[in-house]
Amino acid sequence: MKETKKDLRIRSKVISEGVNRVPNRSMLRAVGFTDEDFKKPMIGVASTWSEVTPCNVHIDRLAREAKDGAKESGGAPMIFNTITVADGIAMGHEGMNYSLPSREVIADSIETVMNAERLDGVVAIGGCDKTTPGCLISIGRMNLPAVYVYGGTIQPGKLNGEDIDIVSSFEAVGQYHEGEINDEQLHKVECSACPGAGACGGMYTANTMASAVEALGMSIPGSSSTPAIADYKEQECHQAGEMILDLLEREIYPRDIMTKEAFENAITVVMALGGSTNAFLHLLAIARSAGVDLTLDDFERVRQNVPHIADMKPSGKYVMQDLYESGGVPAVMKLLHEHGLLHGDCLTVTGKTVAENLAEAEPLKEGQKVILPLEEPIKPNGPLVVLKGNLAPDGAVAKMSGQKISRFEGTARVYDSEAAATEAIEDNVIQAGDVLVIRNVGPKGGPGMPEMLSITAMIVGKGLGGKVALITDGRFSGGSHGFVIGHVAPEAAVGGPIGILETGDTVIIDSDTQQINMQVSEEELDRRKQEWKRPEPKFKTGVLAKYAKLVSSSANGAVTDLDLD
């Protein structure tokens, strides 16, 4: 039975009040509760602290700040942890199969602890790619007063007087294989790319999703662009702890904030910043958790009216810290709102509307070069394009930022694994004009829809960027760039057309007409469909087996509860 707002008001009273609750109270006393604490709302601080990635290695102290803020404001807060996966470490091998499934583990674990302990509100603190959407999915499901805080971006590394980052490391591998750099130079890149705590520095997935969640209204204004090492990051977390009690008192719930218009604001900011294609997967999934009807068509509708104005990596020059120093995400949103591109009446976790928050925000700094004028954009429309055609009837996503061409016609080179495609690139089988196809790596087929950053970085490192197209039913890292099309749906593992594409077929990709097609006759396609056989599941037990059984299409956000209604 679903809880009403009245039921949600102070859930922890079921744990703390009454004679029959003595055993519950005894256990809470063991973790530090006093008589006074039992009279207060119990607040969860969901921490994604971990030592497996720099994105989250500092979040333990941020969680303690959030706890202090909630306690000083009249709450009885408790910290609990969930997992994180380091995508950069998982990239390029079987570990990447676990990356997207980790989003569901994060969401499920936060929902489980919050509901089992009957906590009244939550501050969730994330860092790397899947922690932000995982936290927001759980927040949307529970609909308890909530604030999300992003752990912040890493500083750029320095090498030979220039900024480098984690993508520089991947591309250096391609340069090494081409003989452009030696062992010593490669080692210097390795040692310089990641100088400390924080998420990967460009407009990659972590920074994209943090910006989207700020635009969605679920985080403190400015928090998405505050660097991990900034002292103010701790103040943000302290403030978030304070805000939970205010939200609880005013009975402001996530679904009051995460409306259809709020998601349109998030898409607008993602398009303006030239963010990661993973935003499609994650925003679709968060919207579902909040009961909002969001589709790929909504992304395309919003994209048509939003110019791409951020000169940021991977296709541009600057990183998130540069954006922070230029005024941050609030300054970008202020610019977009002034030009009528945002819904200003959407509610936010501050208790104020987007327009009210932006009225207090400073504009972009004079002379900054990260954000271009709306009148002189990098592209007149958003660079993340939805394509459809006989290769992707349910849709695919192309990232066209940094591309000088909008149409690509070439010969398909088809591989059923990233390893086989990697070998083909290393052996120079893939040449300019080819369409490299990696299939059976979708949500079910991967399973887990692995990212292809290593592949795209190798292509760029070999000097084939823009000269080779890459199509996959898997996905791309936010650090990927080049002529890349992912999220092809339906995926090969469920009988999608990409599963019957053959090496030698001609493929045409056109971002202007928004089509992706293979030039194969209907008769031949019918013959291939008749001969197609569903591949055997790669895993019969464990996390990935369960995930493959439950996960939906990428066109629906690759959620695991779609068919459970």
Protein backbone atom coordinates (compact mmCIF):
# COMPACT_ATOMS: atom_id res chain seq x y z
CA MET A 1 0.00 0.00 0.00
CA LYS A 2 1.37 3.39 -1.00
CA GLU A 3 2.05 5.91 1.74
CA THR A 4 0.25 9.25 1.55
CA LYS A 5 1.85 12.58 2.39
CA LYS A 6 0.15 12.38 5.77
CA ASP A 7 1.66 8.94 6.36
CA LEU A 8 5.09 10.25 5.37
CA ARG A 9 4.99 13.24 7.72
CA ILE A 10 7.03 11.79 10.63
CA ARG A 11 7.69 8.15 9.86
CA SER A 12 10.28 7.65 12.58
CA LYS A 13 7.62 7.90 15.31
CA VAL A 14 6.72 4.30 14.54
CA ILE A 15 10.24 3.40 15.69
CA SER A 16 10.65 5.75 18.66
CA GLU A 17 7.31 6.16 20.46
CA GLY A 18 5.49 3.92 22.92
CA VAL A 19 6.29 1.23 25.50
CA ASN A 20 6.30 -1.46 22.84
CA ARG A 21 9.16 0.39 21.13
CA VAL A 22 11.62 -0.11 24.00
CA PRO A 23 13.77 -2.65 22.05
CA ASN A 24 13.98 -0.22 19.12
CA ARG A 25 14.97 2.59 21.44
CA SER A 26 17.56 0.40 23.15
CA MET A 27 19.30 -0.23 19.84
CA LEU A 28 19.24 3.47 18.94
CA ARG A 29 20.69 4.38 22.33
CA ALA A 30 23.62 2.12 21.46
CA VAL A 31 24.43 4.38 18.48
CA GLY A 32 24.17 7.58 20.53
CA PHE A 33 20.50 8.56 20.79
CA THR A 34 19.26 10.37 23.93
CA ASP A 35 15.75 10.94 25.32
CA GLU A 36 15.59 14.21 23.37
CA ASP A 37 16.56 12.55 20.08
CA PHE A 38 13.46 10.36 20.16
CA LYS A 39 11.33 13.50 19.89
CA LYS A 40 13.03 14.60 16.68
CA PRO A 41 12.64 13.65 13.01
CA MET A 42 15.16 10.97 12.06
CA ILE A 43 17.23 12.02 9.04
CA GLY A 44 19.27 9.69 6.87
CA VAL A 45 22.54 10.83 5.34
CA ALA A 46 23.16 8.51 2.39
CA SER A 47 26.90 8.54 1.77
CA THR A 48 28.60 7.10 -1.29
CA TRP A 49 32.04 7.36 0.33
CA SER A 50 34.56 4.87 -1.00
CA GLU A 51 38.28 4.54 -1.54
CA VAL A 52 37.87 2.82 -4.91
CA THR A 53 37.60 6.10 -6.84
CA PRO A 54 38.81 9.70 -6.45
CA CYS A 55 35.27 10.84 -7.21
CA ASN A 56 34.08 9.68 -3.79
CA VAL A 57 37.17 9.42 -1.61
CA HIS A 58 36.36 12.68 0.24
CA ILE A 59 32.65 12.14 0.78
CA ASP A 60 33.02 10.78 4.32
CA ARG A 61 33.80 14.26 5.66
CA LEU A 62 31.01 15.77 3.55
CA ALA A 63 28.55 13.30 5.09
CA ARG A 64 29.64 14.33 8.57
CA GLU A 65 28.99 17.98 7.67
CA ALA A 66 25.49 17.11 6.47
CA LYS A 67 24.89 15.22 9.69
CA ASP A 68 26.02 18.21 11.76
CA GLY A 69 23.72 20.52 9.79
CA ALA A 70 20.71 18.29 10.35
CA LYS A 71 21.50 17.88 14.04
CA GLU A 72 21.93 21.61 14.67
CA SER A 73 18.59 22.23 12.97
CA GLY A 74 16.62 19.88 15.19
CA GLY A 75 16.96 16.52 13.54
CA ALA A 76 18.30 13.18 14.71
CA PRO A 77 20.59 12.27 11.80
CA MET A 78 22.37 9.01 11.01
CA ILE A 79 24.89 8.25 8.26
CA PHE A 80 24.63 5.08 6.20
CA ASN A 81 26.60 4.02 3.15
CA THR A 82 26.00 2.60 -0.27
CA ILE A 83 28.33 1.38 -3.01
CA THR A 84 30.10 3.05 -5.89
CA VAL A 85 31.87 1.80 -9.00
CA ALA A 86 34.80 3.64 -10.58
CA ASP A 87 33.92 3.74 -14.27
CA GLY A 88 37.38 4.87 -15.29
CA ILE A 89 38.87 1.80 -13.59
CA ALA A 90 36.14 -0.54 -14.87
CA MET A 91 36.55 0.74 -18.45
CA GLY A 92 37.85 -1.54 -21.19
CA HIS A 93 37.29 -4.93 -19.51
CA GLU A 94 34.53 -7.09 -18.01
CA GLY A 95 34.25 -4.79 -15.01
CA MET A 96 32.34 -2.27 -17.10
CA ASN A 97 29.39 -4.70 -17.25
CA TYR A 98 28.77 -3.85 -13.60
CA SER A 99 28.74 -0.07 -14.00
CA LEU A 100 25.15 0.63 -15.07
CA PRO A 101 23.74 -2.14 -12.83
CA SER A 102 25.43 -0.37 -9.91
CA ARG A 103 22.95 2.48 -10.42
CA GLU A 104 20.13 0.11 -9.48
CA VAL A 105 22.07 -1.31 -6.52
CA ILE A 106 22.60 2.24 -5.21
CA ALA A 107 18.93 3.16 -5.64
CA ASP A 108 17.70 -0.11 -4.13
CA SER A 109 20.03 0.11 -1.14
CA ILE A 110 19.08 3.68 -0.22
CA GLU A 111 15.38 2.89 -0.58
CA THR A 112 15.86 -0.26 1.53
CA VAL A 113 17.63 1.46 4.44
CA MET A 114 15.35 4.51 4.48
CA ASN A 115 12.19 2.41 4.50
CA ALA A 116 13.42 -0.32 6.86
CA GLU A 117 14.53 2.26 9.44
CA ARG A 118 11.47 4.50 8.81
CA LEU A 119 13.61 7.60 8.39
CA ASP A 120 11.86 10.89 7.67
CA GLY A 121 14.14 12.61 5.16
CA VAL A 122 17.45 12.16 3.41
CA VAL A 123 20.55 14.06 2.35
CA ALA A 124 22.18 12.01 -0.41
CA ILE A 125 25.78 12.75 -1.38
CA GLY A 126 27.22 11.34 -4.60
CA GLY A 127 30.31 11.68 -6.73
CA CYS A 128 30.99 9.38 -9.65
CA ASP A 129 28.74 8.67 -12.59
CA LYS A 130 26.11 6.27 -11.21
CA THR A 131 25.83 7.69 -7.71
CA THR A 132 23.93 10.81 -8.79
CA PRO A 133 21.20 9.03 -10.76
CA GLY A 134 21.13 6.16 -8.26
CA CYS A 135 20.47 8.60 -5.42
CA LEU A 136 17.82 10.47 -7.41
CA ILE A 137 16.01 7.29 -8.46
CA SER A 138 15.67 6.29 -4.81
CA ILE A 139 14.54 9.81 -3.90
CA GLY A 140 11.88 9.74 -6.59
CA ARG A 141 10.61 6.33 -5.48
CA MET A 142 10.41 7.16 -1.76
CA ASN A 143 9.14 10.74 -2.15
CA LEU A 144 10.53 11.74 1.24
CA PRO A 145 11.96 15.24 1.82
CA ALA A 146 15.38 15.13 0.20
CA VAL A 147 18.37 17.19 -0.90
CA TYR A 148 21.10 15.90 -3.18
CA VAL A 149 24.68 17.17 -2.90
CA TYR A 150 27.32 16.48 -5.54
CA GLY A 151 30.82 15.73 -4.23
CA GLY A 152 32.32 18.00 -6.86
CA THR A 153 34.68 17.96 -9.80
CA ILE A 154 38.38 17.12 -9.75
CA GLN A 155 40.99 19.73 -10.59
CA PRO A 156 42.58 19.35 -14.02
CA GLY A 157 45.96 17.67 -14.08
CA LYS A 158 48.98 19.52 -15.45
CA LEU A 159 51.54 18.25 -17.94
CA ASN A 160 53.97 20.42 -19.88
CA GLY A 161 52.01 23.49 -18.86
CA GLU A 162 48.70 22.20 -20.23
CA ASP A 163 45.57 20.85 -18.57
CA ILE A 164 44.96 17.12 -18.92
CA ASP A 165 42.40 14.71 -17.46
CA ILE A 166 41.41 11.03 -17.42
CA VAL A 167 40.38 11.09 -21.10
CA SER A 168 43.90 12.25 -21.90
CA SER A 169 45.10 8.93 -20.44
CA PHE A 170 42.82 6.86 -22.64
CA GLU A 171 43.78 8.84 -25.75
CA ALA A 172 47.46 8.53 -24.84
CA VAL A 173 47.09 4.76 -25.15
CA GLY A 174 46.03 5.19 -28.77
CA GLN A 175 48.94 7.56 -29.37
CA TYR A 176 51.29 5.02 -27.81
CA HIS A 177 50.07 2.27 -30.14
CA GLU A 178 50.63 4.62 -33.09
CA GLY A 179 54.19 5.31 -31.95
CA GLU A 180 53.49 9.00 -31.35
CA ILE A 181 54.60 8.83 -27.71
CA ASN A 182 56.97 6.48 -25.86
CA ASP A 183 56.78 4.62 -22.53
CA GLU A 184 58.14 7.54 -20.55
CA GLN A 185 55.66 10.02 -22.04
CA LEU A 186 52.77 7.62 -21.44
CA HIS A 187 53.85 7.21 -17.83
CA LYS A 188 53.91 10.99 -17.33
CA VAL A 189 50.34 11.23 -18.60
CA GLU A 190 49.31 8.43 -16.23
CA CYS A 191 50.89 10.15 -13.24
CA SER A 192 49.54 13.62 -14.01
CA ALA A 193 45.94 13.14 -15.19
CA CYS A 194 44.17 12.84 -11.82
CA PRO A 195 45.69 15.06 -9.11
CA GLY A 196 43.26 14.35 -6.27
CA ALA A 197 39.68 14.05 -5.08
CA GLY A 198 36.71 14.73 -7.31
CA ALA A 199 34.88 13.43 -10.36
CA CYS A 200 36.31 13.49 -13.89
CA GLY A 201 36.75 17.12 -14.85
CA GLY A 202 35.15 17.68 -18.26
CA MET A 203 31.48 17.83 -19.12
CA TYR A 204 31.44 14.08 -18.75
CA THR A 205 28.69 12.03 -17.12
CA ALA A 206 29.27 12.95 -13.47
CA ASN A 207 29.36 16.70 -14.11
CA THR A 208 26.53 16.43 -16.65
CA MET A 209 24.23 14.70 -14.18
CA ALA A 210 25.16 17.02 -11.33
CA SER A 211 24.26 19.99 -13.54
CA ALA A 212 21.02 18.30 -14.60
CA VAL A 213 20.00 17.65 -10.99
CA GLU A 214 20.67 21.27 -10.07
CA ALA A 215 18.47 22.37 -12.97
CA LEU A 216 15.89 19.81 -11.82
CA GLY A 217 15.73 21.69 -8.52
CA MET A 218 16.94 18.87 -6.29
CA SER A 219 20.29 20.33 -5.19
CA ILE A 220 21.54 23.58 -3.68
CA PRO A 221 22.08 26.27 -6.36
CA GLY A 222 25.74 26.24 -7.40
CA SER A 223 26.59 22.89 -5.85
CA SER A 224 27.01 21.09 -9.18
CA SER A 225 29.96 23.26 -10.18
CA THR A 226 31.69 23.72 -6.80
CA PRO A 227 34.99 21.76 -7.00
CA ALA A 228 35.59 18.86 -4.63
CA ILE A 229 38.54 20.60 -3.00
CA ALA A 230 36.71 23.90 -2.36
CA ASP A 231 36.04 24.71 1.30
CA TYR A 232 32.53 25.77 0.31
CA LYS A 233 31.66 22.15 -0.58
CA GLU A 234 31.57 21.32 3.13
CA GLN A 235 29.34 24.35 3.75
CA GLU A 236 26.96 23.11 1.06
CA CYS A 237 26.63 19.78 2.82
CA HIS A 238 26.06 21.48 6.17
CA GLN A 239 23.38 23.62 4.54
CA ALA A 240 21.77 20.56 2.97
CA GLY A 241 21.40 19.02 6.43
CA GLU A 242 19.68 22.19 7.62
CA MET A 243 17.39 22.29 4.59
CA ILE A 244 15.95 18.82 5.21
CA LEU A 245 14.27 19.98 8.40
CA ASP A 246 12.81 22.98 6.59
CA LEU A 247 11.50 20.80 3.77
CA LEU A 248 9.97 18.41 6.30
CA GLU A 249 8.32 21.26 8.19
CA ARG A 250 6.94 22.81 4.99
CA GLU A 251 5.92 19.41 3.61
CA ILE A 252 7.82 19.87 0.34
CA TYR A 253 8.42 16.51 -1.32
CA PRO A 254 10.58 15.49 -4.30
CA ARG A 255 7.58 14.89 -6.55
CA ASP A 256 6.48 18.49 -5.89
CA ILE A 257 9.83 19.52 -7.38
CA MET A 258 10.50 16.87 -10.04
CA THR A 259 7.70 17.78 -12.46
CA LYS A 260 7.65 17.43 -16.25
CA GLU A 261 8.68 21.08 -16.58
CA ALA A 262 11.58 20.53 -14.17
CA PHE A 263 12.84 17.67 -16.35
CA GLU A 264 12.61 19.97 -19.36
CA ASN A 265 14.82 22.43 -17.46
CA ALA A 266 17.31 19.63 -16.82
CA ILE A 267 17.36 18.66 -20.50
CA THR A 268 17.82 22.30 -21.48
CA VAL A 269 20.91 22.67 -19.29
CA VAL A 270 22.36 19.37 -20.55
CA MET A 271 21.93 20.49 -24.17
CA ALA A 272 23.36 23.96 -23.54
CA LEU A 273 26.42 22.47 -21.83
CA GLY A 274 26.92 19.72 -24.45
CA GLY A 275 26.66 17.01 -21.82
CA SER A 276 26.95 13.25 -21.83
CA THR A 277 24.61 10.94 -23.75
CA ASN A 278 24.19 9.07 -20.47
CA ALA A 279 21.85 11.91 -19.44
CA PHE A 280 19.19 10.26 -21.61
CA LEU A 281 19.37 6.98 -19.69
CA HIS A 282 19.51 8.57 -16.28
CA LEU A 283 16.89 11.31 -16.69
CA LEU A 284 14.46 8.78 -18.19
CA ALA A 285 15.04 6.51 -15.19
CA ILE A 286 14.72 9.31 -12.62
CA ALA A 287 11.54 10.55 -14.29
CA ARG A 288 10.01 7.09 -14.09
CA SER A 289 10.85 6.87 -10.40
CA ALA A 290 9.06 10.21 -9.85
CA GLY A 291 6.00 9.23 -11.88
CA VAL A 292 6.77 11.63 -14.74
CA ASP A 293 6.10 10.62 -18.36
CA LEU A 294 9.36 11.43 -20.14
CA THR A 295 10.42 9.98 -23.51
CA LEU A 296 13.19 10.35 -26.08
CA ASP A 297 10.81 12.57 -28.06
CA ASP A 298 10.84 15.08 -25.20
CA PHE A 299 14.62 15.33 -25.41
CA GLU A 300 14.38 16.01 -29.13
CA ARG A 301 11.60 18.58 -28.70
CA VAL A 302 13.62 20.53 -26.12
CA ARG A 303 16.88 20.19 -28.08
CA GLN A 304 15.46 22.01 -31.08
CA ASN A 305 15.20 25.26 -29.09
CA VAL A 306 18.43 25.18 -27.08
CA PRO A 307 21.80 26.29 -28.47
CA HIS A 308 25.01 24.55 -27.47
CA ILE A 309 27.06 27.28 -25.78
CA ALA A 310 29.67 25.57 -23.59
CA ASP A 311 33.20 25.11 -24.96
CA MET A 312 33.92 22.20 -22.67
CA LYS A 313 35.69 18.86 -22.89
CA PRO A 314 35.52 16.27 -24.36
CA SER A 315 34.90 18.10 -27.64
CA GLY A 316 35.83 21.57 -26.38
CA LYS A 317 38.62 23.21 -24.41
CA TYR A 318 37.55 23.79 -20.81
CA VAL A 319 36.73 21.72 -17.71
CA MET A 320 34.22 22.08 -14.87
CA GLN A 321 36.56 24.08 -12.67
CA ASP A 322 36.82 26.64 -15.47
CA LEU A 323 33.04 26.86 -15.55
CA TYR A 324 32.99 27.31 -11.77
CA GLU A 325 35.45 30.17 -12.03
CA SER A 326 33.33 31.73 -14.79
CA GLY A 327 30.19 31.82 -12.67
CA GLY A 328 29.12 28.20 -12.48
CA VAL A 329 25.89 26.47 -13.45
CA PRO A 330 23.71 29.17 -11.80
CA ALA A 331 25.18 31.79 -14.15
CA VAL A 332 24.45 29.56 -17.15
CA MET A 333 20.90 28.98 -15.93
CA LYS A 334 20.47 32.72 -15.35
CA LEU A 335 21.45 33.35 -18.98
CA LEU A 336 19.09 30.66 -20.25
CA HIS A 337 16.22 31.94 -18.08
CA GLU A 338 16.70 35.51 -19.25
CA HIS A 339 16.21 34.26 -22.81
CA GLY A 340 13.05 32.33 -21.95
CA LEU A 341 14.59 28.87 -22.15
CA LEU A 342 13.80 27.69 -18.61
CA HIS A 343 10.56 27.24 -16.66
CA GLY A 344 11.12 29.77 -13.90
CA ASP A 345 8.09 28.77 -11.84
CA CYS A 346 9.41 25.30 -10.94
CA LEU A 347 9.87 24.68 -7.21
CA THR A 348 13.30 23.77 -5.81
CA VAL A 349 14.76 22.37 -2.57
CA THR A 350 15.38 25.93 -1.36
CA GLY A 351 11.61 26.33 -1.10
CA LYS A 352 11.89 29.01 -3.76
CA THR A 353 11.27 28.78 -7.47
CA VAL A 354 13.96 28.56 -10.13
CA ALA A 355 13.30 32.20 -11.02
CA GLU A 356 13.63 33.32 -7.40
CA ASN A 357 16.91 31.45 -6.99
CA LEU A 358 18.30 32.88 -10.24
CA ALA A 359 17.34 36.42 -9.27
CA GLU A 360 19.96 36.10 -6.51
CA ALA A 361 22.59 34.49 -8.78
CA GLU A 362 25.50 36.41 -10.23
CA PRO A 363 25.76 36.55 -14.04
CA LEU A 364 28.64 35.07 -16.01
CA LYS A 365 31.87 36.93 -15.33
CA GLU A 366 33.09 39.52 -17.77
CA GLY A 367 35.71 38.18 -20.16
CA GLN A 368 35.10 34.49 -19.45
CA LYS A 369 35.50 32.20 -22.46
CA VAL A 370 33.85 28.97 -21.33
CA ILE A 371 30.26 29.95 -22.19
CA LEU A 372 29.61 31.56 -25.55
CA PRO A 373 26.88 34.15 -26.17
CA LEU A 374 23.53 32.65 -27.13
CA GLU A 375 23.75 34.66 -30.33
CA GLU A 376 27.07 33.02 -31.26
CA PRO A 377 26.67 29.39 -30.19
CA ILE A 378 28.87 26.44 -31.03
CA LYS A 379 25.74 24.88 -32.55
CA PRO A 380 22.31 26.51 -32.91
CA ASN A 381 20.64 23.42 -31.42
CA GLY A 382 21.60 20.94 -28.73
CA PRO A 383 24.31 18.46 -29.80
CA LEU A 384 22.68 15.30 -28.42
CA VAL A 385 20.49 14.05 -31.24
CA VAL A 386 17.90 11.27 -31.27
CA LEU A 387 18.13 9.18 -34.45
CA LYS A 388 15.63 6.65 -35.75
CA GLY A 389 15.48 4.37 -38.79
CA ASN A 390 15.59 0.74 -39.81
CA LEU A 391 18.70 0.24 -37.64
CA ALA A 392 17.11 1.79 -34.55
CA PRO A 393 13.30 1.83 -34.73
CA ASP A 394 12.99 2.79 -31.05
CA GLY A 395 15.80 5.32 -31.21
CA ALA A 396 19.53 5.86 -30.82
CA VAL A 397 21.51 8.79 -29.45
CA ALA A 398 24.27 10.64 -31.30
CA LYS A 399 26.63 13.17 -29.76
CA MET A 400 27.39 15.70 -32.46
CA SER A 401 29.39 18.24 -30.45
CA GLY A 402 32.71 18.99 -32.12
CA GLN A 403 31.65 17.35 -35.40
CA LYS A 404 32.21 19.20 -38.65
CA ILE A 405 30.11 16.73 -40.63
CA SER A 406 26.49 15.77 -40.03
CA ARG A 407 26.24 12.82 -42.44
CA PHE A 408 28.30 9.65 -42.61
CA GLU A 409 27.98 6.84 -45.13
CA GLY A 410 30.29 3.85 -44.86
CA THR A 411 30.80 0.13 -44.80
CA ALA A 412 29.84 -1.76 -41.66
CA ARG A 413 32.51 -3.70 -39.74
CA VAL A 414 30.48 -5.73 -37.26
CA TYR A 415 31.78 -7.16 -33.95
CA ASP A 416 29.97 -8.88 -31.11
CA SER A 417 32.25 -7.65 -28.34
CA GLU A 418 34.38 -4.67 -27.40
CA ALA A 419 37.43 -6.96 -27.18
CA ALA A 420 37.05 -8.07 -30.81
CA ALA A 421 36.60 -4.46 -31.95
CA THR A 422 39.66 -3.38 -29.94
CA GLU A 423 41.77 -6.03 -31.63
CA ALA A 424 40.53 -4.86 -35.04
CA ILE A 425 41.53 -1.28 -34.27
CA GLU A 426 44.95 -2.31 -32.97
CA ASP A 427 45.54 -4.42 -36.11
CA ASN A 428 44.54 -1.51 -38.36
CA VAL A 429 41.58 -3.43 -39.77
CA ILE A 430 39.40 -0.37 -39.17
CA GLN A 431 40.10 2.29 -41.77
CA ALA A 432 38.76 5.75 -42.62
CA GLY A 433 35.25 5.47 -44.03
CA ASP A 434 34.30 2.42 -41.97
CA VAL A 435 31.30 2.18 -39.67
CA LEU A 436 32.49 0.19 -36.66
CA VAL A 437 29.56 -1.70 -35.10
CA ILE A 438 29.72 -3.24 -31.61
CA ARG A 439 26.55 -5.13 -30.74
CA ASN A 440 25.21 -7.58 -28.16
CA VAL A 441 26.45 -5.15 -25.52
CA GLY A 442 23.11 -3.53 -24.64
CA PRO A 443 21.35 -3.63 -21.26
CA LYS A 444 20.43 -7.31 -21.64
CA GLY A 445 23.12 -8.38 -24.10
CA GLY A 446 26.15 -6.93 -22.30
CA PRO A 447 24.68 -7.41 -19.88
CA GLY A 448 24.93 -3.99 -18.29
CA MET A 449 25.34 -1.81 -21.40
CA PRO A 450 29.11 -1.16 -21.02
CA GLU A 451 30.66 2.14 -22.08
CA MET A 452 33.05 2.40 -25.01
CA LEU A 453 35.48 5.10 -23.88
CA SER A 454 38.53 2.94 -24.56
CA ILE A 455 37.33 2.30 -28.12
CA THR A 456 36.54 5.94 -28.89
CA ALA A 457 39.81 7.09 -27.32
CA MET A 458 41.77 4.59 -29.43
CA ILE A 459 40.03 5.81 -32.58
CA VAL A 460 40.94 9.41 -31.74
CA GLY A 461 44.47 8.39 -30.72
CA LYS A 462 44.96 6.69 -34.09
CA GLY A 463 43.96 9.84 -35.96
CA LEU A 464 40.59 8.44 -37.10
CA GLY A 465 38.38 10.82 -35.13
CA GLY A 466 35.53 11.91 -37.41
CA LYS A 467 36.79 9.54 -40.12
CA VAL A 468 35.24 6.42 -38.58
CA ALA A 469 31.69 6.18 -37.26
CA LEU A 470 30.92 3.96 -34.27
CA ILE A 471 27.50 2.42 -33.63
CA THR A 472 26.58 0.31 -30.62
CA ASP A 473 23.63 -0.91 -28.58
CA GLY A 474 25.92 -0.21 -25.64
CA ARG A 475 26.72 3.31 -24.51
CA PHE A 476 29.50 5.85 -24.36
CA SER A 477 31.34 7.53 -21.57
CA GLY A 478 30.72 11.22 -21.19
CA GLY A 479 34.37 11.50 -22.16
CA SER A 480 33.77 9.99 -25.58
CA HIS A 481 33.79 12.15 -28.67
CA GLY A 482 33.84 11.56 -32.39
CA PHE A 483 31.10 10.37 -34.73
CA VAL A 484 29.53 8.02 -32.18
CA ILE A 485 26.00 6.64 -31.93
CA GLY A 486 24.92 4.62 -28.91
CA HIS A 487 21.80 3.34 -27.13
CA VAL A 488 20.60 1.64 -30.34
CA ALA A 489 17.16 0.21 -29.54
CA PRO A 490 15.89 -2.42 -29.70
CA GLU A 491 19.22 -4.01 -28.83
CA ALA A 492 20.65 -7.03 -30.64
CA ALA A 493 20.01 -9.42 -27.75
CA VAL A 494 16.23 -9.04 -28.07
CA GLY A 495 16.15 -9.23 -31.87
CA GLY A 496 16.75 -5.59 -32.76
CA PRO A 497 17.81 -4.83 -36.35
CA ILE A 498 21.40 -4.15 -35.28
CA GLY A 499 21.55 -7.89 -34.58
CA ILE A 500 21.08 -8.77 -38.26
CA LEU A 501 23.45 -6.14 -39.68
CA GLU A 502 26.38 -7.77 -41.48
CA THR A 503 29.93 -6.73 -42.30
CA GLY A 504 29.90 -5.20 -45.77
CA ASP A 505 26.47 -3.59 -45.48
CA THR A 506 26.25 0.12 -46.21
CA VAL A 507 25.15 2.25 -43.27
CA ILE A 508 23.96 5.86 -43.53
CA ILE A 509 23.84 8.14 -40.50
CA ASP A 510 22.36 11.62 -40.97
CA SER A 511 21.95 13.93 -37.98
CA ASP A 512 20.16 16.54 -40.10
CA THR A 513 17.36 14.18 -41.09
CA GLN A 514 17.84 12.33 -37.79
CA GLN A 515 17.97 8.95 -39.49
CA ILE A 516 20.13 5.86 -39.11
CA ASN A 517 19.62 3.21 -41.75
CA MET A 518 21.24 0.19 -43.37
CA GLN A 519 20.88 -0.15 -47.11
CA VAL A 520 19.56 -3.70 -47.21
CA SER A 521 16.50 -4.83 -49.14
CA GLU A 522 13.33 -5.80 -47.27
CA GLU A 523 13.57 -9.29 -48.71
CA GLU A 524 17.10 -9.72 -47.39
CA LEU A 525 16.14 -8.32 -43.99
CA ASP A 526 13.23 -10.77 -43.78
CA ARG A 527 15.59 -13.65 -44.60
CA ARG A 528 18.04 -12.57 -41.90
CA LYS A 529 15.25 -12.21 -39.34
CA GLN A 530 14.13 -15.75 -40.02
CA GLU A 531 17.68 -17.04 -39.45
CA TRP A 532 18.38 -14.96 -36.32
CA LYS A 533 18.69 -16.85 -33.05
CA ARG A 534 18.57 -15.32 -29.61
CA PRO A 535 22.05 -15.52 -28.04
CA GLU A 536 22.54 -17.54 -24.88
CA PRO A 537 22.65 -15.44 -21.68
CA LYS A 538 26.26 -14.72 -20.73
CA PHE A 539 25.48 -15.11 -17.03
CA LYS A 540 23.16 -17.67 -15.45
CA THR A 541 23.55 -16.61 -11.79
CA GLY A 542 24.53 -13.54 -9.78
CA VAL A 543 24.01 -9.81 -10.15
CA LEU A 544 24.35 -9.66 -13.92
CA ALA A 545 21.98 -12.57 -14.47
CA LYS A 546 19.30 -10.86 -12.36
CA TYR A 547 19.94 -7.56 -14.09
CA ALA A 548 19.67 -9.07 -17.59
CA LYS A 549 16.39 -10.71 -16.60
CA LEU A 550 14.79 -7.50 -15.32
CA VAL A 551 16.30 -4.61 -17.28
CA SER A 552 14.28 -2.70 -19.86
CA SER A 553 15.34 -1.10 -23.13
CA SER A 554 17.69 1.87 -23.15
CA ALA A 555 14.80 3.79 -24.74
CA ASN A 556 13.04 3.44 -21.37
CA GLY A 557 16.08 4.35 -19.27
CA ALA A 558 17.29 0.76 -18.73
CA VAL A 559 15.29 0.49 -15.51
CA THR A 560 14.72 -2.77 -13.67
CA ASP A 561 11.13 -2.22 -12.56
CA LEU A 562 9.43 -1.36 -15.85
CA ASP A 563 7.50 -4.62 -16.17
CA LEU A 564 6.68 -4.95 -12.48
CA ASP A 565 3.61 -2.71 -12.53
